[in-house]
Protein backbone atom coordinates (compact mmCIF):
# COMPACT_ATOMS: atom_id res chain seq x y z
CA MET A 1 40.14 -74.18 -86.88
CA ASN A 2 42.99 -76.41 -88.05
CA ALA A 3 45.96 -77.30 -85.86
CA ILE A 4 48.43 -74.92 -87.56
CA LEU A 5 46.17 -71.87 -87.28
CA ASN A 6 45.30 -72.82 -83.70
CA ALA A 7 49.01 -73.01 -82.78
CA LEU A 8 49.78 -69.69 -84.51
CA LEU A 9 46.96 -67.88 -82.71
CA LYS A 10 48.10 -69.27 -79.35
CA LEU A 11 51.67 -68.13 -80.06
CA LEU A 12 50.55 -64.57 -80.88
CA ILE A 13 48.50 -64.40 -77.69
CA ARG A 14 51.39 -65.71 -75.58
CA ILE A 15 53.73 -63.07 -77.01
CA PHE A 16 51.51 -59.99 -76.96
CA VAL A 17 48.93 -60.65 -74.21
CA PRO A 18 50.64 -63.20 -71.93
CA ARG A 19 48.31 -62.61 -68.98
CA TYR A 20 45.33 -63.46 -71.18
CA ALA A 21 47.08 -66.67 -72.24
CA ARG A 22 47.72 -67.63 -68.60
CA ASP A 23 44.09 -66.97 -67.66
CA LEU A 24 42.80 -69.06 -70.55
CA GLU A 25 45.11 -71.90 -69.58
CA HIS A 26 43.86 -71.70 -65.99
CA GLU A 27 40.28 -72.00 -67.29
CA GLY A 28 41.23 -74.91 -69.58
CA GLN A 29 40.10 -72.88 -72.61
CA PHE A 30 43.38 -72.07 -74.37
CA ASP A 31 42.35 -74.01 -77.46
CA PHE A 32 40.48 -72.57 -80.44
CA ARG A 33 39.53 -75.79 -82.20
CA LYS A 34 35.95 -77.04 -82.47
CA LYS A 35 34.44 -78.59 -79.33
CA ILE A 36 31.32 -80.25 -80.74
CA VAL A 37 29.94 -83.16 -78.70
CA ASP A 38 27.15 -85.66 -79.25
CA ARG A 39 23.85 -84.58 -77.72
CA ARG A 40 23.93 -87.63 -75.45
CA ASP A 41 27.33 -86.61 -74.05
CA ILE A 42 26.53 -83.00 -73.11
CA ASP A 43 27.96 -82.06 -69.72
CA PRO A 44 26.06 -78.96 -68.48
CA SER A 45 28.93 -77.94 -66.18
CA VAL A 46 31.00 -77.11 -69.28
CA TYR A 47 28.54 -74.35 -70.14
CA ILE A 48 27.03 -73.23 -66.82
CA ASN A 49 27.96 -73.21 -63.13
CA VAL A 50 25.46 -72.27 -60.43
CA GLU A 51 26.17 -71.19 -56.84
CA ASP A 52 23.17 -70.94 -54.53
CA ASN A 53 24.18 -68.64 -51.68
CA GLY A 54 20.66 -68.19 -50.33
CA SER A 55 20.38 -64.62 -51.62
CA ASP A 56 17.42 -62.80 -53.17
CA VAL A 57 19.86 -61.28 -55.69
CA THR A 58 21.29 -63.41 -58.48
CA VAL A 59 24.15 -62.30 -60.73
CA ILE A 60 24.38 -64.08 -64.08
CA SER A 61 27.80 -63.59 -65.63
CA PHE A 62 28.15 -64.27 -69.36
CA ALA A 63 31.70 -64.83 -70.58
CA GLY A 64 32.90 -63.04 -73.68
CA MET A 65 34.30 -64.83 -76.71
CA GLY A 66 37.60 -65.03 -74.83
CA LEU A 67 35.74 -67.32 -72.38
CA LEU A 68 36.69 -65.14 -69.42
CA TYR A 69 34.45 -63.16 -67.05
CA ALA A 70 35.13 -59.42 -67.18
CA GLY A 71 38.52 -60.44 -68.55
CA MET A 72 39.25 -62.75 -65.60
CA PRO A 73 39.12 -66.44 -64.74
CA ARG A 74 35.95 -67.50 -62.92
CA PHE A 75 37.59 -67.81 -59.50
CA GLU A 76 38.98 -64.28 -59.73
CA PHE A 77 35.72 -62.71 -60.87
CA ARG A 78 33.87 -64.58 -58.11
CA ARG A 79 36.26 -63.03 -55.60
CA THR A 80 35.61 -59.58 -57.10
CA LEU A 81 31.85 -60.02 -56.75
CA ARG A 82 32.27 -61.03 -53.12
CA GLU A 83 34.34 -58.00 -52.16
CA GLY A 84 32.81 -56.09 -49.28
CA GLY A 85 31.08 -59.14 -47.83
CA ARG A 86 28.45 -59.46 -50.53
CA SER A 87 27.01 -62.89 -51.16
CA TYR A 88 24.94 -63.01 -54.34
CA ASN A 89 23.73 -66.18 -55.97
CA LEU A 90 26.05 -66.66 -58.93
CA ILE A 91 25.52 -68.16 -62.36
CA PHE A 92 28.49 -68.39 -64.74
CA VAL A 93 27.76 -69.06 -68.42
CA ARG A 94 30.22 -69.54 -71.28
CA ASP A 95 30.09 -70.41 -74.97
CA VAL A 96 33.00 -72.77 -75.57
CA HIS A 97 32.35 -72.64 -79.33
CA ARG A 98 33.08 -68.89 -79.39
CA ALA A 99 30.10 -68.51 -81.73
CA PHE A 100 28.27 -65.63 -80.04
CA TYR A 101 26.18 -68.21 -78.18
CA CYS A 102 24.52 -69.26 -81.46
CA MET A 103 25.91 -72.82 -81.61
CA ALA A 104 24.55 -75.54 -79.34
CA PRO A 105 26.95 -78.09 -77.80
CA ASP A 106 26.17 -80.58 -80.58
CA GLY A 107 27.08 -78.04 -83.27
CA SER A 108 23.50 -77.30 -84.28
CA PRO A 109 22.29 -73.70 -84.80
CA SER A 110 20.08 -73.76 -81.70
CA GLY A 111 22.59 -72.23 -79.29
CA LEU A 112 20.49 -69.22 -78.34
CA LYS A 113 17.62 -71.52 -77.36
CA PHE A 114 20.00 -73.83 -75.50
CA PHE A 115 21.56 -71.06 -73.40
CA GLU A 116 18.20 -69.45 -72.72
CA GLY A 117 16.96 -72.82 -71.46
CA ILE A 118 19.82 -73.59 -69.09
CA VAL A 119 19.79 -70.07 -67.61
CA ARG A 120 16.00 -70.20 -67.18
CA ASP A 121 16.29 -73.56 -65.39
CA ALA A 122 19.00 -72.19 -63.08
CA LEU A 123 16.94 -69.12 -62.18
CA SER A 124 13.87 -71.23 -61.48
CA GLN A 125 15.88 -73.23 -58.93
CA LEU A 126 17.24 -70.15 -57.15
CA HIS A 127 13.90 -68.30 -56.72
CA SER A 128 15.65 -64.93 -56.50
CA LYS A 129 13.70 -61.68 -56.58
CA TYR A 130 16.21 -59.57 -58.48
CA ASN A 131 18.37 -60.81 -61.35
CA VAL A 132 21.37 -58.96 -62.77
CA ALA A 133 23.13 -60.00 -66.00
CA ILE A 134 26.77 -59.00 -66.33
CA GLY A 135 28.62 -59.50 -69.58
CA THR A 136 31.82 -58.55 -71.32
CA SER A 137 32.14 -58.14 -75.08
CA GLY A 138 30.05 -60.93 -76.66
CA GLY A 139 28.83 -61.84 -73.18
CA ALA A 140 27.20 -58.42 -72.85
CA SER A 141 25.53 -58.94 -76.20
CA ILE A 142 23.89 -62.23 -75.18
CA ALA A 143 22.74 -60.61 -71.93
CA PHE A 144 20.85 -57.98 -73.94
CA TYR A 145 19.40 -60.64 -76.24
CA LEU A 146 18.20 -62.94 -73.46
CA SER A 147 16.69 -60.07 -71.48
CA ARG A 148 13.71 -60.20 -73.85
CA ASP A 149 12.48 -63.57 -72.61
CA LEU A 150 14.21 -64.14 -69.27
CA PRO A 151 13.33 -62.45 -65.95
CA LEU A 152 16.32 -60.10 -65.98
CA HIS A 153 15.90 -56.83 -64.13
CA GLN A 154 19.25 -55.24 -64.89
CA ILE A 155 22.16 -55.51 -67.33
CA ILE A 156 25.72 -54.35 -66.71
CA GLY A 157 27.82 -54.54 -69.85
CA PHE A 158 31.50 -53.94 -70.49
CA ASN A 159 32.36 -53.11 -74.11
CA ALA A 160 29.37 -54.86 -75.66
CA THR A 161 30.01 -55.92 -79.27
CA PHE A 162 26.67 -55.67 -81.03
CA PRO A 163 25.75 -55.23 -83.80
CA LEU A 164 28.71 -57.51 -84.52
CA ASP A 165 28.74 -56.70 -88.24
CA VAL A 166 29.18 -53.02 -87.30
CA TYR A 167 31.73 -53.70 -84.58
CA SER A 168 33.86 -55.79 -86.94
CA SER A 169 33.15 -53.67 -90.03
CA ARG A 170 35.73 -53.21 -92.75
CA ALA A 171 36.33 -49.64 -91.59
CA ASN A 172 37.03 -50.74 -88.01
CA ARG A 173 39.28 -53.58 -89.12
CA ARG A 174 41.24 -51.24 -91.39
CA ALA A 175 41.55 -48.63 -88.64
CA ALA A 176 42.78 -51.27 -86.18
CA LEU A 177 45.32 -52.64 -88.65
CA LEU A 178 46.69 -49.23 -89.70
CA ASP A 179 46.96 -47.73 -86.22
CA PHE A 180 50.76 -47.73 -86.35
CA ARG A 181 51.03 -45.21 -83.54
CA LYS A 182 49.37 -47.65 -81.19
CA LEU A 183 51.51 -50.48 -82.55
CA ILE A 184 54.64 -48.54 -81.52
CA THR A 185 53.44 -47.01 -78.26
CA ALA A 186 51.10 -49.75 -77.02
CA PRO A 187 51.67 -53.04 -78.89
CA GLY A 188 49.59 -55.06 -76.41
CA PRO A 189 46.38 -53.04 -76.91
CA TYR A 190 47.12 -52.90 -80.66
CA ILE A 191 47.18 -56.70 -80.96
CA GLU A 192 44.19 -57.02 -78.62
CA ILE A 193 41.99 -54.72 -80.74
CA LEU A 194 43.24 -56.39 -83.91
CA LEU A 195 42.25 -59.81 -82.57
CA ILE A 196 38.86 -58.53 -81.44
CA THR A 197 37.90 -56.83 -84.71
CA PHE A 198 39.18 -59.54 -87.06
CA GLY A 199 38.04 -62.30 -84.72
CA GLY A 200 34.65 -60.62 -84.51
CA ARG A 201 34.32 -60.80 -88.29
CA LEU A 202 35.12 -64.53 -88.20
CA VAL A 203 32.48 -65.03 -85.51
CA TYR A 204 29.93 -63.02 -87.51
CA ASN A 205 30.64 -65.09 -90.62
CA ARG A 206 30.19 -68.25 -88.56
CA MET A 207 26.84 -66.95 -87.29
CA CYS A 208 25.74 -66.28 -90.86
CA ARG A 209 26.68 -69.81 -91.90
CA LEU A 210 24.89 -71.30 -88.89
CA LEU A 211 21.70 -69.27 -88.95
CA GLY A 212 21.60 -67.71 -92.41
CA GLU A 213 22.47 -64.02 -92.60
CA GLN A 214 18.80 -63.05 -92.66
CA ASN A 215 18.27 -64.90 -89.36
CA VAL A 216 21.10 -63.33 -87.37
CA PRO A 217 19.23 -61.70 -84.48
CA ASP A 218 18.99 -57.94 -84.21
CA ILE A 219 19.99 -57.71 -80.56
CA THR A 220 18.93 -54.09 -80.14
CA LYS A 221 15.47 -54.88 -81.52
CA CYS A 222 15.21 -57.95 -79.26
CA TYR A 223 16.15 -55.88 -76.22
CA LEU A 224 13.63 -53.16 -77.05
CA SER A 225 10.81 -55.68 -77.58
CA LYS A 226 10.78 -56.63 -73.88
CA ARG A 227 7.39 -55.98 -72.27
CA PRO A 228 6.36 -54.02 -70.31
CA ARG A 229 9.74 -52.34 -70.82
CA PRO A 230 13.38 -53.30 -71.38
CA ALA A 231 15.66 -54.04 -68.45
CA ARG A 232 17.67 -51.17 -66.97
CA ALA A 233 21.10 -51.31 -68.61
CA THR A 234 24.51 -49.69 -68.21
CA ILE A 235 27.35 -50.06 -70.70
CA PHE A 236 30.89 -49.11 -69.75
CA TYR A 237 33.02 -48.63 -72.87
CA SER A 238 36.61 -47.80 -73.77
CA ALA A 239 36.54 -44.26 -75.13
CA GLY A 240 39.99 -44.71 -76.72
CA CYS A 241 39.05 -47.89 -78.60
CA ARG A 242 37.27 -46.98 -81.84
CA PRO A 243 34.96 -50.01 -82.27
CA ASP A 244 33.93 -49.97 -78.60
CA ALA A 245 33.13 -46.26 -78.65
CA GLU A 246 31.31 -46.52 -81.98
CA GLN A 247 29.13 -49.36 -80.74
CA ALA A 248 28.25 -47.70 -77.45
CA LEU A 249 27.20 -44.46 -79.12
CA LEU A 250 24.67 -46.40 -81.21
CA LEU A 251 22.71 -46.99 -78.00
CA LYS A 252 22.98 -43.53 -76.42
CA ASP A 253 19.41 -42.48 -77.28
CA ILE A 254 17.68 -45.51 -75.74
CA PRO A 255 16.04 -44.28 -72.50
CA THR A 256 16.71 -47.47 -70.54
CA VAL A 257 20.41 -47.59 -71.49
CA THR A 258 23.13 -45.49 -69.84
CA ILE A 259 26.54 -45.41 -71.49
CA LYS A 260 29.61 -44.55 -69.44
CA PRO A 261 32.99 -43.84 -71.12
CA VAL A 262 36.19 -45.17 -69.61
CA ASP A 263 39.51 -43.49 -70.35
CA CYS A 264 41.26 -46.49 -71.90
CA ASN A 265 42.66 -47.40 -75.33
CA ARG A 266 42.18 -51.17 -75.05
CA HIS A 267 39.19 -53.51 -75.16
CA ASN A 268 39.82 -55.22 -71.83
CA PHE A 269 39.89 -52.22 -69.50
CA MET A 270 38.36 -54.45 -66.81
CA ALA A 271 41.79 -55.90 -66.04
CA ASP A 272 43.04 -52.40 -65.13
CA TRP A 273 39.93 -51.78 -63.05
CA LYS A 274 40.41 -55.06 -61.21
CA ARG A 275 43.98 -54.15 -60.23
CA SER A 276 42.87 -50.74 -58.94
CA GLY A 277 39.84 -52.11 -57.09
CA ARG A 278 37.47 -50.10 -59.27
CA LEU A 279 35.70 -53.07 -60.89
CA GLY A 280 34.06 -54.48 -57.79
CA GLN A 281 33.06 -51.01 -56.63
CA ALA A 282 31.50 -50.13 -60.01
CA ILE A 283 29.47 -53.35 -60.07
CA LYS A 284 28.30 -52.77 -56.50
CA GLU A 285 27.25 -49.20 -57.28
CA GLU A 286 25.31 -50.26 -60.37
CA ILE A 287 23.48 -53.05 -58.55
CA GLU A 288 22.62 -50.74 -55.65
CA ALA A 289 21.24 -48.13 -58.06
CA GLY A 290 19.31 -50.78 -59.97
CA LEU A 291 17.81 -52.23 -56.80
CA ALA A 292 16.74 -48.80 -55.56
CA ALA A 293 15.04 -48.00 -58.88
CA TRP A 294 13.36 -51.44 -58.99
CA ARG A 295 11.98 -51.05 -55.47
CA GLN A 296 10.64 -47.60 -56.26
CA GLU A 297 9.01 -48.66 -59.52
CA SER A 298 7.52 -51.90 -58.24
CA GLY A 299 6.56 -50.66 -54.80
CA ASN A 300 8.55 -53.44 -53.12
CA PRO A 301 9.63 -52.76 -49.54
CA GLN A 302 13.31 -52.97 -48.69
CA ASP A 303 13.59 -56.69 -48.24
CA GLU A 304 15.91 -57.69 -45.39
CA ASP A 305 17.73 -60.32 -47.44
CA VAL A 306 18.08 -58.16 -50.56
CA THR A 307 19.67 -55.23 -48.76
CA SER A 308 21.89 -57.37 -46.56
CA VAL A 309 24.08 -58.46 -49.46
CA LEU A 310 24.94 -54.85 -50.20
CA LYS A 311 26.29 -53.89 -46.77
């Protein structure tokens, strides 16, 4: 992205979604230009941060293309996960290229392999018994993709955006652009959905250039190919946001996926949930339910350390 377009995009975000701009600045990610580095200069901490809290439960949080976690800076989402005295192991992963995790740090099209490798290495060091992937938008999509080959037991997604070519389809982009009622009554959500749908198309086009359109992964097929069965998954989606609702309903007939509508007309409903205290509670409830089902299916006793983090 050239300097003029980068500056224009930053200006639009500052005007219409100022909180998002502040959060990106706090994370040092309020810049949409390329961030390719030489393979010899790769700093893993740019892409992954690991916190070993001695727990048997590890939460892997994948940032969306906005490079935030559930719409929040890392420090704020960490605080949300710790509400109620919980102390999970934490892994934070982000794609600074905003390329749906398909671009490696050196700009090569081996990003999916790169991110799978660094998450696998982190999990092998933590030795946890139960691993939960949490992702927002594109972050939820990569969680579903990586669940095929990584030891992930549960996925919690917020407004997942796959298939990306469907999410950012011409019909959804047109609907977002021509939603004049929302423009008048809720200009912030209007601009947010516009950026997501049109930005999603740019990301999809980038993926096609990187991988070749025929090689863009079918995330649903990857998820379903997990053996012996796919990970338990829950997707919360904005019922009042057309592309989010359309995407979620594509998955409603998969037995291992539960979709839960949220009464919201914007993509980032997690910010509202955070302010009301609902976000931390929802994550806790999902992990508790997932753990209970996992113990029942695997015949594992209630491990002292596993249950202690949920008190």
